[in-house]
Amino acid sequence: LNCLVLDKTGKRLFVLARDNCIRMLDTDSWKVAQRFSGLRCMNHQIRCDVSPDGKLLMSGSEDGQVFVWNVETGEQDTSVPRDRLPHFANMCSDVAWNPAERIMACCSFSRKQP
């Protein structure tokens, strides 16, 4: 497992494992309620985060991209065009939402991006 994130309600647990997929578990039944795909996560520590309102899920990726999904549908969110999201030369290892504003922070580490 790379990352476990519980939403504010305590009803949804997001599980990021090294199999290119994030799963959302319903904590009442402990069954997979949603799957989020597109990211690459096979070899390194990658983290995800849920937006403060619980509507969006964001994750880094080994290919340097940042992914944002709609939590309810599992589809990639299109409210922010892909070319407006960060894309790093190396992996994006961590992401975080600002708790008060719709602002995100992303982390990448390489010689060019310390």
PDB file of N, CA and C in Angstrom:
ATOM      1  N   LEU A   1       0.835  -1.192   0.000  1.00  0.00           N
ATOM      2  CA  LEU A   1       0.000   0.000   0.000  1.00  0.00           C
ATOM      3  C   LEU A   1       0.871   1.244   0.000  1.00  0.00           C
ATOM      4  N   ASN A   2       0.467   2.207  -0.780  1.00  0.00           N
ATOM      5  CA  ASN A   2       1.175   3.483  -0.848  1.00  0.00           C
ATOM      6  C   ASN A   2       0.523   4.549   0.014  1.00  0.00           C
ATOM      7  N   CYS A   3      -0.800   4.560   0.029  1.00  0.00           N
ATOM      8  CA  CYS A   3      -1.484   5.674   0.673  1.00  0.00           C
ATOM      9  C   CYS A   3      -2.900   5.248   1.074  1.00  0.00           C
ATOM     10  N   LEU A   4      -3.314   5.688   2.270  1.00  0.00           N
ATOM     11  CA  LEU A   4      -4.679   5.525   2.747  1.00  0.00           C
ATOM     12  C   LEU A   4      -5.199   6.904   3.134  1.00  0.00           C
ATOM     13  N   VAL A   5      -6.362   7.272   2.620  1.00  0.00           N
ATOM     14  CA  VAL A   5      -6.961   8.573   2.929  1.00  0.00           C
ATOM     15  C   VAL A   5      -8.434   8.353   3.270  1.00  0.00           C
ATOM     16  N   LEU A   6      -8.838   8.822   4.434  1.00  0.00           N
ATOM     17  CA  LEU A   6     -10.232   8.750   4.857  1.00  0.00           C
ATOM     18  C   LEU A   6     -10.868  10.117   4.630  1.00  0.00           C
ATOM     19  N   ASP A   7     -12.044  10.145   4.003  1.00  0.00           N
ATOM     20  CA  ASP A   7     -12.699  11.443   3.794  1.00  0.00           C
ATOM     21  C   ASP A   7     -13.237  11.988   5.118  1.00  0.00           C
ATOM     22  N   LYS A   8     -13.679  13.239   5.094  1.00  0.00           N
ATOM     23  CA  LYS A   8     -14.123  13.912   6.333  1.00  0.00           C
ATOM     24  C   LYS A   8     -15.310  13.227   7.002  1.00  0.00           C
ATOM     25  N   THR A   9     -16.149  12.572   6.210  1.00  0.00           N
ATOM     26  CA  THR A   9     -17.329  11.922   6.777  1.00  0.00           C
ATOM     27  C   THR A   9     -16.979  10.586   7.434  1.00  0.00           C
ATOM     28  N   GLY A  10     -15.819  10.047   7.104  1.00  0.00           N
ATOM     29  CA  GLY A  10     -15.433   8.739   7.618  1.00  0.00           C
ATOM     30  C   GLY A  10     -16.128   7.595   6.898  1.00  0.00           C
ATOM     31  N   LYS A  11     -16.855   7.904   5.837  1.00  0.00           N
ATOM     32  CA  LYS A  11     -17.627   6.888   5.105  1.00  0.00           C
ATOM     33  C   LYS A  11     -16.878   6.302   3.916  1.00  0.00           C
ATOM     34  N   ARG A  12     -15.811   7.001   3.460  1.00  0.00           N
ATOM     35  CA  ARG A  12     -15.080   6.541   2.274  1.00  0.00           C
ATOM     36  C   ARG A  12     -13.584   6.510   2.562  1.00  0.00           C
ATOM     37  N   LEU A  13     -12.984   5.365   2.292  1.00  0.00           N
ATOM     38  CA  LEU A  13     -11.548   5.189   2.455  1.00  0.00           C
ATOM     39  C   LEU A  13     -10.938   4.985   1.074  1.00  0.00           C
ATOM     40  N   PHE A  14      -9.957   5.819   0.727  1.00  0.00           N
ATOM     41  CA  PHE A  14      -9.277   5.731  -0.560  1.00  0.00           C
ATOM     42  C   PHE A  14      -7.970   4.975  -0.357  1.00  0.00           C
ATOM     43  N   VAL A  15      -7.768   3.950  -1.171  1.00  0.00           N
ATOM     44  CA  VAL A  15      -6.615   3.065  -1.039  1.00  0.00           C
ATOM     45  C   VAL A  15      -5.822   3.105  -2.341  1.00  0.00           C
ATOM     46  N   LEU A  16      -4.579   3.567  -2.245  1.00  0.00           N
ATOM     47  CA  LEU A  16      -3.683   3.610  -3.405  1.00  0.00           C
ATOM     48  C   LEU A  16      -2.624   2.537  -3.216  1.00  0.00           C
ATOM     49  N   ALA A  17      -2.653   1.531  -4.078  1.00  0.00           N
ATOM     50  CA  ALA A  17      -1.677   0.446  -4.044  1.00  0.00           C
ATOM     51  C   ALA A  17      -0.818   0.529  -5.305  1.00  0.00           C
ATOM     52  N   ARG A  18       0.199  -0.275  -5.360  1.00  0.00           N
ATOM     53  CA  ARG A  18       1.113  -0.242  -6.504  1.00  0.00           C
ATOM     54  C   ARG A  18       0.605  -1.115  -7.649  1.00  0.00           C
ATOM     55  N   ASP A  19      -0.603  -0.797  -8.108  1.00  0.00           N
ATOM     56  CA  ASP A  19      -1.193  -1.533  -9.233  1.00  0.00           C
ATOM     57  C   ASP A  19      -1.927  -0.592 -10.192  1.00  0.00           C
ATOM     58  N   ASN A  20      -1.495   0.679 -10.226  1.00  0.00           N
ATOM     59  CA  ASN A  20      -2.052   1.680 -11.152  1.00  0.00           C
ATOM     60  C   ASN A  20      -3.534   1.963 -10.930  1.00  0.00           C
ATOM     61  N   CYS A  21      -3.998   1.834  -9.695  1.00  0.00           N
ATOM     62  CA  CYS A  21      -5.417   2.036  -9.416  1.00  0.00           C
ATOM     63  C   CYS A  21      -5.611   2.536  -7.987  1.00  0.00           C
ATOM     64  N   ILE A  22      -6.581   3.424  -7.815  1.00  0.00           N
ATOM     65  CA  ILE A  22      -7.016   3.840  -6.486  1.00  0.00           C
ATOM     66  C   ILE A  22      -8.415   3.275  -6.297  1.00  0.00           C
ATOM     67  N   ARG A  23      -8.667   2.702  -5.148  1.00  0.00           N
ATOM     68  CA  ARG A  23      -9.983   2.160  -4.843  1.00  0.00           C
ATOM     69  C   ARG A  23     -10.627   2.982  -3.731  1.00  0.00           C
ATOM     70  N   MET A  24     -11.918   3.205  -3.857  1.00  0.00           N
ATOM     71  CA  MET A  24     -12.683   3.849  -2.806  1.00  0.00           C
ATOM     72  C   MET A  24     -13.525   2.778  -2.133  1.00  0.00           C
ATOM     73  N   LEU A  25     -13.305   2.573  -0.842  1.00  0.00           N
ATOM     74  CA  LEU A  25     -14.064   1.587  -0.081  1.00  0.00           C
ATOM     75  C   LEU A  25     -15.150   2.281   0.724  1.00  0.00           C
ATOM     76  N   ASP A  26     -16.310   1.699   0.750  1.00  0.00           N
ATOM     77  CA  ASP A  26     -17.389   2.144   1.618  1.00  0.00           C
ATOM     78  C   ASP A  26     -17.093   1.554   2.998  1.00  0.00           C
ATOM     79  N   THR A  27     -16.932   2.392   4.010  1.00  0.00           N
ATOM     80  CA  THR A  27     -16.522   1.894   5.329  1.00  0.00           C
ATOM     81  C   THR A  27     -17.651   1.194   6.089  1.00  0.00           C
ATOM     82  N   ASP A  28     -18.875   1.272   5.599  1.00  0.00           N
ATOM     83  CA  ASP A  28     -19.962   0.509   6.223  1.00  0.00           C
ATOM     84  C   ASP A  28     -19.907  -0.960   5.794  1.00  0.00           C
ATOM     85  N   SER A  29     -19.666  -1.188   4.503  1.00  0.00           N
ATOM     86  CA  SER A  29     -19.668  -2.561   3.969  1.00  0.00           C
ATOM     87  C   SER A  29     -18.260  -3.090   3.697  1.00  0.00           C
ATOM     88  N   TRP A  30     -17.285  -2.202   3.639  1.00  0.00           N
ATOM     89  CA  TRP A  30     -15.895  -2.523   3.286  1.00  0.00           C
ATOM     90  C   TRP A  30     -15.789  -3.133   1.888  1.00  0.00           C
ATOM     91  N   LYS A  31     -16.706  -2.720   1.025  1.00  0.00           N
ATOM     92  CA  LYS A  31     -16.660  -3.140  -0.378  1.00  0.00           C
ATOM     93  C   LYS A  31     -16.165  -1.990  -1.235  1.00  0.00           C
ATOM     94  N   VAL A  32     -15.562  -2.335  -2.378  1.00  0.00           N
ATOM     95  CA  VAL A  32     -15.085  -1.319  -3.319  1.00  0.00           C
ATOM     96  C   VAL A  32     -16.294  -0.650  -3.958  1.00  0.00           C
ATOM     97  N   ALA A  33     -16.401   0.663  -3.749  1.00  0.00           N
ATOM     98  CA  ALA A  33     -17.516   1.426  -4.297  1.00  0.00           C
ATOM     99  C   ALA A  33     -17.159   2.133  -5.600  1.00  0.00           C
ATOM    100  N   GLN A  34     -15.856   2.379  -5.819  1.00  0.00           N
ATOM    101  CA  GLN A  34     -15.409   3.103  -7.009  1.00  0.00           C
ATOM    102  C   GLN A  34     -13.944   2.793  -7.262  1.00  0.00           C
ATOM    103  N   ARG A  35     -13.546   2.830  -8.537  1.00  0.00           N
ATOM    104  CA  ARG A  35     -12.147   2.669  -8.926  1.00  0.00           C
ATOM    105  C   ARG A  35     -11.731   3.872  -9.762  1.00  0.00           C
ATOM    106  N   PHE A  36     -10.492   4.302  -9.558  1.00  0.00           N
ATOM    107  CA  PHE A  36      -9.947   5.450 -10.273  1.00  0.00           C
ATOM    108  C   PHE A  36      -8.684   4.987 -10.995  1.00  0.00           C
ATOM    109  N   SER A  37      -8.649   5.176 -12.313  1.00  0.00           N
ATOM    110  CA  SER A  37      -7.518   4.688 -13.094  1.00  0.00           C
ATOM    111  C   SER A  37      -6.921   5.814 -13.935  1.00  0.00           C
ATOM    112  N   GLY A  38      -5.780   5.503 -14.550  1.00  0.00           N
ATOM    113  CA  GLY A  38      -5.086   6.468 -15.404  1.00  0.00           C
ATOM    114  C   GLY A  38      -3.693   6.772 -14.888  1.00  0.00           C
ATOM    115  N   LEU A  39      -3.545   6.787 -13.561  1.00  0.00           N
ATOM    116  CA  LEU A  39      -2.242   7.073 -12.987  1.00  0.00           C
ATOM    117  C   LEU A  39      -1.308   5.885 -13.158  1.00  0.00           C
ATOM    118  N   ARG A  40      -0.011   6.159 -13.040  1.00  0.00           N
ATOM    119  CA  ARG A  40       0.979   5.083 -13.023  1.00  0.00           C
ATOM    120  C   ARG A  40       1.584   5.016 -11.634  1.00  0.00           C
ATOM    121  N   CYS A  41       1.466   3.860 -11.019  1.00  0.00           N
ATOM    122  CA  CYS A  41       2.014   3.632  -9.681  1.00  0.00           C
ATOM    123  C   CYS A  41       2.347   2.152  -9.550  1.00  0.00           C
ATOM    124  N   MET A  42       3.583   1.822  -9.857  1.00  0.00           N
ATOM    125  CA  MET A  42       4.028   0.431  -9.767  1.00  0.00           C
ATOM    126  C   MET A  42       5.287   0.271  -8.912  1.00  0.00           C
ATOM    127  N   ASN A  43       6.144   1.295  -8.872  1.00  0.00           N
ATOM    128  CA  ASN A  43       7.463   1.135  -8.266  1.00  0.00           C
ATOM    129  C   ASN A  43       7.785   2.107  -7.136  1.00  0.00           C
ATOM    130  N   HIS A  44       7.082   3.207  -7.044  1.00  0.00           N
ATOM    131  CA  HIS A  44       7.465   4.265  -6.110  1.00  0.00           C
ATOM    132  C   HIS A  44       6.306   4.666  -5.197  1.00  0.00           C
ATOM    133  N   GLN A  45       6.659   5.397  -4.149  1.00  0.00           N
ATOM    134  CA  GLN A  45       5.661   5.920  -3.212  1.00  0.00           C
ATOM    135  C   GLN A  45       4.936   7.097  -3.858  1.00  0.00           C
ATOM    136  N   ILE A  46       3.673   6.945  -4.121  1.00  0.00           N
ATOM    137  CA  ILE A  46       2.813   7.988  -4.689  1.00  0.00           C
ATOM    138  C   ILE A  46       1.661   8.192  -3.709  1.00  0.00           C
ATOM    139  N   ARG A  47       1.226   9.439  -3.559  1.00  0.00           N
ATOM    140  CA  ARG A  47       0.160   9.725  -2.600  1.00  0.00           C
ATOM    141  C   ARG A  47      -1.024  10.395  -3.296  1.00  0.00           C
ATOM    142  N   CYS A  48      -2.179  10.312  -2.639  1.00  0.00           N
ATOM    143  CA  CYS A  48      -3.398  10.934  -3.146  1.00  0.00           C
ATOM    144  C   CYS A  48      -4.037  11.744  -2.023  1.00  0.00           C
ATOM    145  N   ASP A  49      -5.029  12.559  -2.385  1.00  0.00           N
ATOM    146  CA  ASP A  49      -5.735  13.370  -1.400  1.00  0.00           C
ATOM    147  C   ASP A  49      -7.142  13.659  -1.901  1.00  0.00           C
ATOM    148  N   VAL A  50      -8.075  13.812  -0.976  1.00  0.00           N
ATOM    149  CA  VAL A  50      -9.464  14.131  -1.289  1.00  0.00           C
ATOM    150  C   VAL A  50      -9.685  15.620  -1.028  1.00  0.00           C
ATOM    151  N   SER A  51     -10.434  16.264  -1.914  1.00  0.00           N
ATOM    152  CA  SER A  51     -10.723  17.683  -1.738  1.00  0.00           C
ATOM    153  C   SER A  51     -11.506  17.912  -0.449  1.00  0.00           C
ATOM    154  N   PRO A  52     -11.420  19.113   0.116  1.00  0.00           N
ATOM    155  CA  PRO A  52     -12.139  19.394   1.373  1.00  0.00           C
ATOM    156  C   PRO A  52     -13.648  19.141   1.296  1.00  0.00           C
ATOM    157  N   ASP A  53     -14.241  19.353   0.118  1.00  0.00           N
ATOM    158  CA  ASP A  53     -15.690  19.101  -0.017  1.00  0.00           C
ATOM    159  C   ASP A  53     -16.004  17.635  -0.334  1.00  0.00           C
ATOM    160  N   GLY A  54     -14.962  16.810  -0.517  1.00  0.00           N
ATOM    161  CA  GLY A  54     -15.151  15.389  -0.766  1.00  0.00           C
ATOM    162  C   GLY A  54     -15.585  15.031  -2.173  1.00  0.00           C
ATOM    163  N   LYS A  55     -15.611  16.004  -3.081  1.00  0.00           N
ATOM    164  CA  LYS A  55     -16.099  15.754  -4.433  1.00  0.00           C
ATOM    165  C   LYS A  55     -15.016  15.317  -5.413  1.00  0.00           C
ATOM    166  N   LEU A  56     -13.763  15.666  -5.128  1.00  0.00           N
ATOM    167  CA  LEU A  56     -12.674  15.373  -6.054  1.00  0.00           C
ATOM    168  C   LEU A  56     -11.568  14.584  -5.366  1.00  0.00           C
ATOM    169  N   LEU A  57     -10.915  13.730  -6.127  1.00  0.00           N
ATOM    170  CA  LEU A  57      -9.759  12.968  -5.680  1.00  0.00           C
ATOM    171  C   LEU A  57      -8.597  13.353  -6.577  1.00  0.00           C
ATOM    172  N   MET A  58      -7.435  13.615  -5.987  1.00  0.00           N
ATOM    173  CA  MET A  58      -6.251  14.010  -6.742  1.00  0.00           C
ATOM    174  C   MET A  58      -5.114  13.063  -6.393  1.00  0.00           C
ATOM    175  N   SER A  59      -4.277  12.773  -7.397  1.00  0.00           N
ATOM    176  CA  SER A  59      -3.137  11.902  -7.175  1.00  0.00           C
ATOM    177  C   SER A  59      -1.980  12.304  -8.072  1.00  0.00           C
ATOM    178  N   GLY A  60      -0.767  12.058  -7.571  1.00  0.00           N
ATOM    179  CA  GLY A  60       0.413  12.147  -8.414  1.00  0.00           C
ATOM    180  C   GLY A  60       0.527  10.868  -9.222  1.00  0.00           C
ATOM    181  N   SER A  61       1.604  10.779 -10.023  1.00  0.00           N
ATOM    182  CA  SER A  61       1.809   9.616 -10.874  1.00  0.00           C
ATOM    183  C   SER A  61       3.291   9.482 -11.198  1.00  0.00           C
ATOM    184  N   GLU A  62       3.729   8.264 -11.442  1.00  0.00           N
ATOM    185  CA  GLU A  62       5.129   8.024 -11.778  1.00  0.00           C
ATOM    186  C   GLU A  62       5.532   8.651 -13.105  1.00  0.00           C
ATOM    187  N   ASP A  63       4.568   8.968 -13.971  1.00  0.00           N
ATOM    188  CA  ASP A  63       4.894   9.593 -15.252  1.00  0.00           C
ATOM    189  C   ASP A  63       4.926  11.121 -15.160  1.00  0.00           C
ATOM    190  N   GLY A  64       4.820  11.675 -13.933  1.00  0.00           N
ATOM    191  CA  GLY A  64       4.926  13.117 -13.729  1.00  0.00           C
ATOM    192  C   GLY A  64       3.626  13.880 -13.827  1.00  0.00           C
ATOM    193  N   GLN A  65       2.547  13.200 -14.134  1.00  0.00           N
ATOM    194  CA  GLN A  65       1.259  13.873 -14.266  1.00  0.00           C
ATOM    195  C   GLN A  65       0.540  13.977 -12.924  1.00  0.00           C
ATOM    196  N   VAL A  66      -0.401  14.915 -12.864  1.00  0.00           N
ATOM    197  CA  VAL A  66      -1.323  15.026 -11.738  1.00  0.00           C
ATOM    198  C   VAL A  66      -2.704  14.676 -12.276  1.00  0.00           C
ATOM    199  N   PHE A  67      -3.390  13.782 -11.579  1.00  0.00           N
ATOM    200  CA  PHE A  67      -4.722  13.347 -12.005  1.00  0.00           C
ATOM    201  C   PHE A  67      -5.761  13.826 -10.999  1.00  0.00           C
ATOM    202  N   VAL A  68      -6.927  14.226 -11.522  1.00  0.00           N
ATOM    203  CA  VAL A  68      -8.057  14.640 -10.690  1.00  0.00           C
ATOM    204  C   VAL A  68      -9.294  13.906 -11.204  1.00  0.00           C
ATOM    205  N   TRP A  69     -10.006  13.257 -10.284  1.00  0.00           N
ATOM    206  CA  TRP A  69     -11.207  12.506 -10.636  1.00  0.00           C
ATOM    207  C   TRP A  69     -12.415  13.023  -9.868  1.00  0.00           C
ATOM    208  N   ASN A  70     -13.582  12.819 -10.445  1.00  0.00           N
ATOM    209  CA  ASN A  70     -14.850  13.028  -9.762  1.00  0.00           C
ATOM    210  C   ASN A  70     -15.082  11.807  -8.882  1.00  0.00           C
ATOM    211  N   VAL A  71     -15.246  11.999  -7.585  1.00  0.00           N
ATOM    212  CA  VAL A  71     -15.372  10.884  -6.645  1.00  0.00           C
ATOM    213  C   VAL A  71     -16.621  10.039  -6.924  1.00  0.00           C
ATOM    214  N   GLU A  72     -17.724  10.676  -7.285  1.00  0.00           N
ATOM    215  CA  GLU A  72     -18.973   9.940  -7.491  1.00  0.00           C
ATOM    216  C   GLU A  72     -18.956   9.089  -8.750  1.00  0.00           C
ATOM    217  N   THR A  73     -18.409   9.626  -9.847  1.00  0.00           N
ATOM    218  CA  THR A  73     -18.455   8.913 -11.131  1.00  0.00           C
ATOM    219  C   THR A  73     -17.206   8.088 -11.405  1.00  0.00           C
ATOM    220  N   GLY A  74     -16.077   8.432 -10.796  1.00  0.00           N
ATOM    221  CA  GLY A  74     -14.815   7.760 -11.083  1.00  0.00           C
ATOM    222  C   GLY A  74     -14.145   8.260 -12.347  1.00  0.00           C
ATOM    223  N   GLU A  75     -14.796   9.196 -13.033  1.00  0.00           N
ATOM    224  CA  GLU A  75     -14.241   9.754 -14.270  1.00  0.00           C
ATOM    225  C   GLU A  75     -13.250  10.878 -13.952  1.00  0.00           C
ATOM    226  N   GLN A  76     -12.274  11.054 -14.836  1.00  0.00           N
ATOM    227  CA  GLN A  76     -11.347  12.167 -14.649  1.00  0.00           C
ATOM    228  C   GLN A  76     -12.111  13.478 -14.763  1.00  0.00           C
ATOM    229  N   ASP A  77     -11.805  14.394 -13.851  1.00  0.00           N
ATOM    230  CA  ASP A  77     -12.484  15.686 -13.802  1.00  0.00           C
ATOM    231  C   ASP A  77     -11.981  16.556 -14.946  1.00  0.00           C
ATOM    232  N   THR A  78     -12.887  17.196 -15.649  1.00  0.00           N
ATOM    233  CA  THR A  78     -12.516  18.032 -16.792  1.00  0.00           C
ATOM    234  C   THR A  78     -12.719  19.521 -16.517  1.00  0.00           C
ATOM    235  N   SER A  79     -13.027  19.889 -15.266  1.00  0.00           N
ATOM    236  CA  SER A  79     -13.246  21.308 -14.965  1.00  0.00           C
ATOM    237  C   SER A  79     -11.940  22.104 -15.071  1.00  0.00           C
ATOM    238  N   VAL A  80     -10.816  21.433 -14.905  1.00  0.00           N
ATOM    239  CA  VAL A  80      -9.506  22.053 -15.130  1.00  0.00           C
ATOM    240  C   VAL A  80      -8.878  21.344 -16.321  1.00  0.00           C
ATOM    241  N   PRO A  81      -8.600  22.056 -17.415  1.00  0.00           N
ATOM    242  CA  PRO A  81      -8.002  21.411 -18.587  1.00  0.00           C
ATOM    243  C   PRO A  81      -6.660  20.759 -18.235  1.00  0.00           C
ATOM    244  N   ARG A  82      -6.350  19.628 -18.871  1.00  0.00           N
ATOM    245  CA  ARG A  82      -5.103  18.894 -18.602  1.00  0.00           C
ATOM    246  C   ARG A  82      -3.869  19.789 -18.737  1.00  0.00           C
ATOM    247  N   ASP A  83      -3.883  20.718 -19.692  1.00  0.00           N
ATOM    248  CA  ASP A  83      -2.705  21.565 -19.885  1.00  0.00           C
ATOM    249  C   ASP A  83      -2.536  22.610 -18.771  1.00  0.00           C
ATOM    250  N   ARG A  84      -3.522  22.755 -17.900  1.00  0.00           N
ATOM    251  CA  ARG A  84      -3.416  23.674 -16.761  1.00  0.00           C
ATOM    252  C   ARG A  84      -2.919  22.967 -15.503  1.00  0.00           C
ATOM    253  N   LEU A  85      -2.931  21.624 -15.510  1.00  0.00           N
ATOM    254  CA  LEU A  85      -2.417  20.858 -14.383  1.00  0.00           C
ATOM    255  C   LEU A  85      -0.911  20.705 -14.519  1.00  0.00           C
ATOM    256  N   PRO A  86      -0.190  20.633 -13.406  1.00  0.00           N
ATOM    257  CA  PRO A  86       1.267  20.454 -13.485  1.00  0.00           C
ATOM    258  C   PRO A  86       1.631  19.141 -14.174  1.00  0.00           C
ATOM    259  N   HIS A  87       2.739  19.154 -14.893  1.00  0.00           N
ATOM    260  CA  HIS A  87       3.314  17.936 -15.469  1.00  0.00           C
ATOM    261  C   HIS A  87       4.819  18.030 -15.266  1.00  0.00           C
ATOM    262  N   PHE A  88       5.346  17.111 -14.482  1.00  0.00           N
ATOM    263  CA  PHE A  88       6.754  17.145 -14.092  1.00  0.00           C
ATOM    264  C   PHE A  88       7.584  16.221 -14.973  1.00  0.00           C
ATOM    265  N   ALA A  89       8.893  16.523 -15.075  1.00  0.00           N
ATOM    266  CA  ALA A  89       9.812  15.676 -15.844  1.00  0.00           C
ATOM    267  C   ALA A  89       9.958  14.303 -15.187  1.00  0.00           C
ATOM    268  N   ASN A  90       9.929  14.265 -13.868  1.00  0.00           N
ATOM    269  CA  ASN A  90       9.980  13.009 -13.118  1.00  0.00           C
ATOM    270  C   ASN A  90       8.652  12.810 -12.418  1.00  0.00           C
ATOM    271  N   MET A  91       8.553  11.773 -11.608  1.00  0.00           N
ATOM    272  CA  MET A  91       7.279  11.452 -10.972  1.00  0.00           C
ATOM    273  C   MET A  91       6.778  12.582 -10.065  1.00  0.00           C
ATOM    274  N   CYS A  92       5.476  12.669  -9.962  1.00  0.00           N
ATOM    275  CA  CYS A  92       4.832  13.536  -8.986  1.00  0.00           C
ATOM    276  C   CYS A  92       4.492  12.633  -7.803  1.00  0.00           C
ATOM    277  N   SER A  93       5.191  12.824  -6.700  1.00  0.00           N
ATOM    278  CA  SER A  93       5.096  11.866  -5.600  1.00  0.00           C
ATOM    279  C   SER A  93       4.029  12.191  -4.557  1.00  0.00           C
ATOM    280  N   ASP A  94       3.633  13.459  -4.448  1.00  0.00           N
ATOM    281  CA  ASP A  94       2.666  13.812  -3.412  1.00  0.00           C
ATOM    282  C   ASP A  94       1.819  14.985  -3.877  1.00  0.00           C
ATOM    283  N   VAL A  95       0.593  15.010  -3.411  1.00  0.00           N
ATOM    284  CA  VAL A  95      -0.350  16.078  -3.730  1.00  0.00           C
ATOM    285  C   VAL A  95      -1.134  16.417  -2.465  1.00  0.00           C
ATOM    286  N   ALA A  96      -1.641  17.634  -2.400  1.00  0.00           N
ATOM    287  CA  ALA A  96      -2.456  18.043  -1.249  1.00  0.00           C
ATOM    288  C   ALA A  96      -3.388  19.173  -1.661  1.00  0.00           C
ATOM    289  N   TRP A  97      -4.584  19.153  -1.107  1.00  0.00           N
ATOM    290  CA  TRP A  97      -5.550  20.234  -1.310  1.00  0.00           C
ATOM    291  C   TRP A  97      -5.385  21.249  -0.198  1.00  0.00           C
ATOM    292  N   ASN A  98      -5.553  22.507  -0.514  1.00  0.00           N
ATOM    293  CA  ASN A  98      -5.647  23.541   0.504  1.00  0.00           C
ATOM    294  C   ASN A  98      -6.997  23.353   1.186  1.00  0.00           C
ATOM    295  N   PRO A  99      -7.049  23.348   2.521  1.00  0.00           N
ATOM    296  CA  PRO A  99      -8.316  23.076   3.203  1.00  0.00           C
ATOM    297  C   PRO A  99      -9.371  24.175   3.060  1.00  0.00           C
ATOM    298  N   ALA A 100      -8.961  25.394   2.670  1.00  0.00           N
ATOM    299  CA  ALA A 100      -9.920  26.501   2.612  1.00  0.00           C
ATOM    300  C   ALA A 100     -10.190  27.002   1.195  1.00  0.00           C
ATOM    301  N   GLU A 101      -9.241  26.842   0.291  1.00  0.00           N
ATOM    302  CA  GLU A 101      -9.377  27.360  -1.070  1.00  0.00           C
ATOM    303  C   GLU A 101      -9.274  26.215  -2.063  1.00  0.00           C
ATOM    304  N   ARG A 102      -9.691  26.444  -3.287  1.00  0.00           N
ATOM    305  CA  ARG A 102      -9.538  25.413  -4.324  1.00  0.00           C
ATOM    306  C   ARG A 102      -8.153  25.573  -4.963  1.00  0.00           C
ATOM    307  N   ILE A 103      -7.161  25.272  -4.136  1.00  0.00           N
ATOM    308  CA  ILE A 103      -5.754  25.354  -4.541  1.00  0.00           C
ATOM    309  C   ILE A 103      -5.114  24.016  -4.189  1.00  0.00           C
ATOM    310  N   MET A 104      -4.215  23.563  -5.043  1.00  0.00           N
ATOM    311  CA  MET A 104      -3.531  22.304  -4.785  1.00  0.00           C
ATOM    312  C   MET A 104      -2.023  22.510  -4.727  1.00  0.00           C
ATOM    313  N   ALA A 105      -1.354  21.623  -4.012  1.00  0.00           N
ATOM    314  CA  ALA A 105       0.112  21.600  -3.975  1.00  0.00           C
ATOM    315  C   ALA A 105       0.561  20.250  -4.505  1.00  0.00           C
ATOM    316  N   CYS A 106       1.648  20.260  -5.265  1.00  0.00           N
ATOM    317  CA  CYS A 106       2.181  19.038  -5.857  1.00  0.00           C
ATOM    318  C   CYS A 106       3.672  18.976  -5.582  1.00  0.00           C
ATOM    319  N   CYS A 107       4.193  17.766  -5.433  1.00  0.00           N
ATOM    320  CA  CYS A 107       5.603  17.580  -5.098  1.00  0.00           C
ATOM    321  C   CYS A 107       6.271  16.660  -6.099  1.00  0.00           C
ATOM    322  N   SER A 108       7.432  17.105  -6.599  1.00  0.00           N
ATOM    323  CA  SER A 108       8.258  16.285  -7.455  1.00  0.00           C
ATOM    324  C   SER A 108       9.698  16.500  -7.038  1.00  0.00           C
ATOM    325  N   PHE A 109      10.502  15.462  -7.154  1.00  0.00           N
ATOM    326  CA  PHE A 109      11.899  15.595  -6.767  1.00  0.00           C
ATOM    327  C   PHE A 109      12.796  15.068  -7.877  1.00  0.00           C
ATOM    328  N   SER A 110      13.708  15.927  -8.316  1.00  0.00           N
ATOM    329  CA  SER A 110      14.730  15.553  -9.287  1.00  0.00           C
ATOM    330  C   SER A 110      15.817  16.623  -9.246  1.00  0.00           C
ATOM    331  N   ARG A 111      16.806  16.483 -10.046  1.00  0.00           N
ATOM    332  CA  ARG A 111      17.874  17.511 -10.081  1.00  0.00           C
ATOM    333  C   ARG A 111      17.322  18.870 -10.506  1.00  0.00           C
ATOM    334  N   LYS A 112      16.321  18.874 -11.365  1.00  0.00           N
ATOM    335  CA  LYS A 112      15.745  20.123 -11.832  1.00  0.00           C
ATOM    336  C   LYS A 112      14.595  20.617 -10.962  1.00  0.00           C
ATOM    337  N   GLN A 113      14.054  19.735 -10.125  1.00  0.00           N
ATOM    338  CA  GLN A 113      12.913  20.090  -9.291  1.00  0.00           C
ATOM    339  C   GLN A 113      13.152  19.615  -7.860  1.00  0.00           C
ATOM    340  N   PRO A 114      13.977  20.373  -7.105  1.00  0.00           N
ATOM    341  CA  PRO A 114      14.295  19.919  -5.723  1.00  0.00           C
ATOM    342  C   PRO A 114      13.141  20.118  -4.766  1.00  0.00           C
TER     343      PRO A 114
END
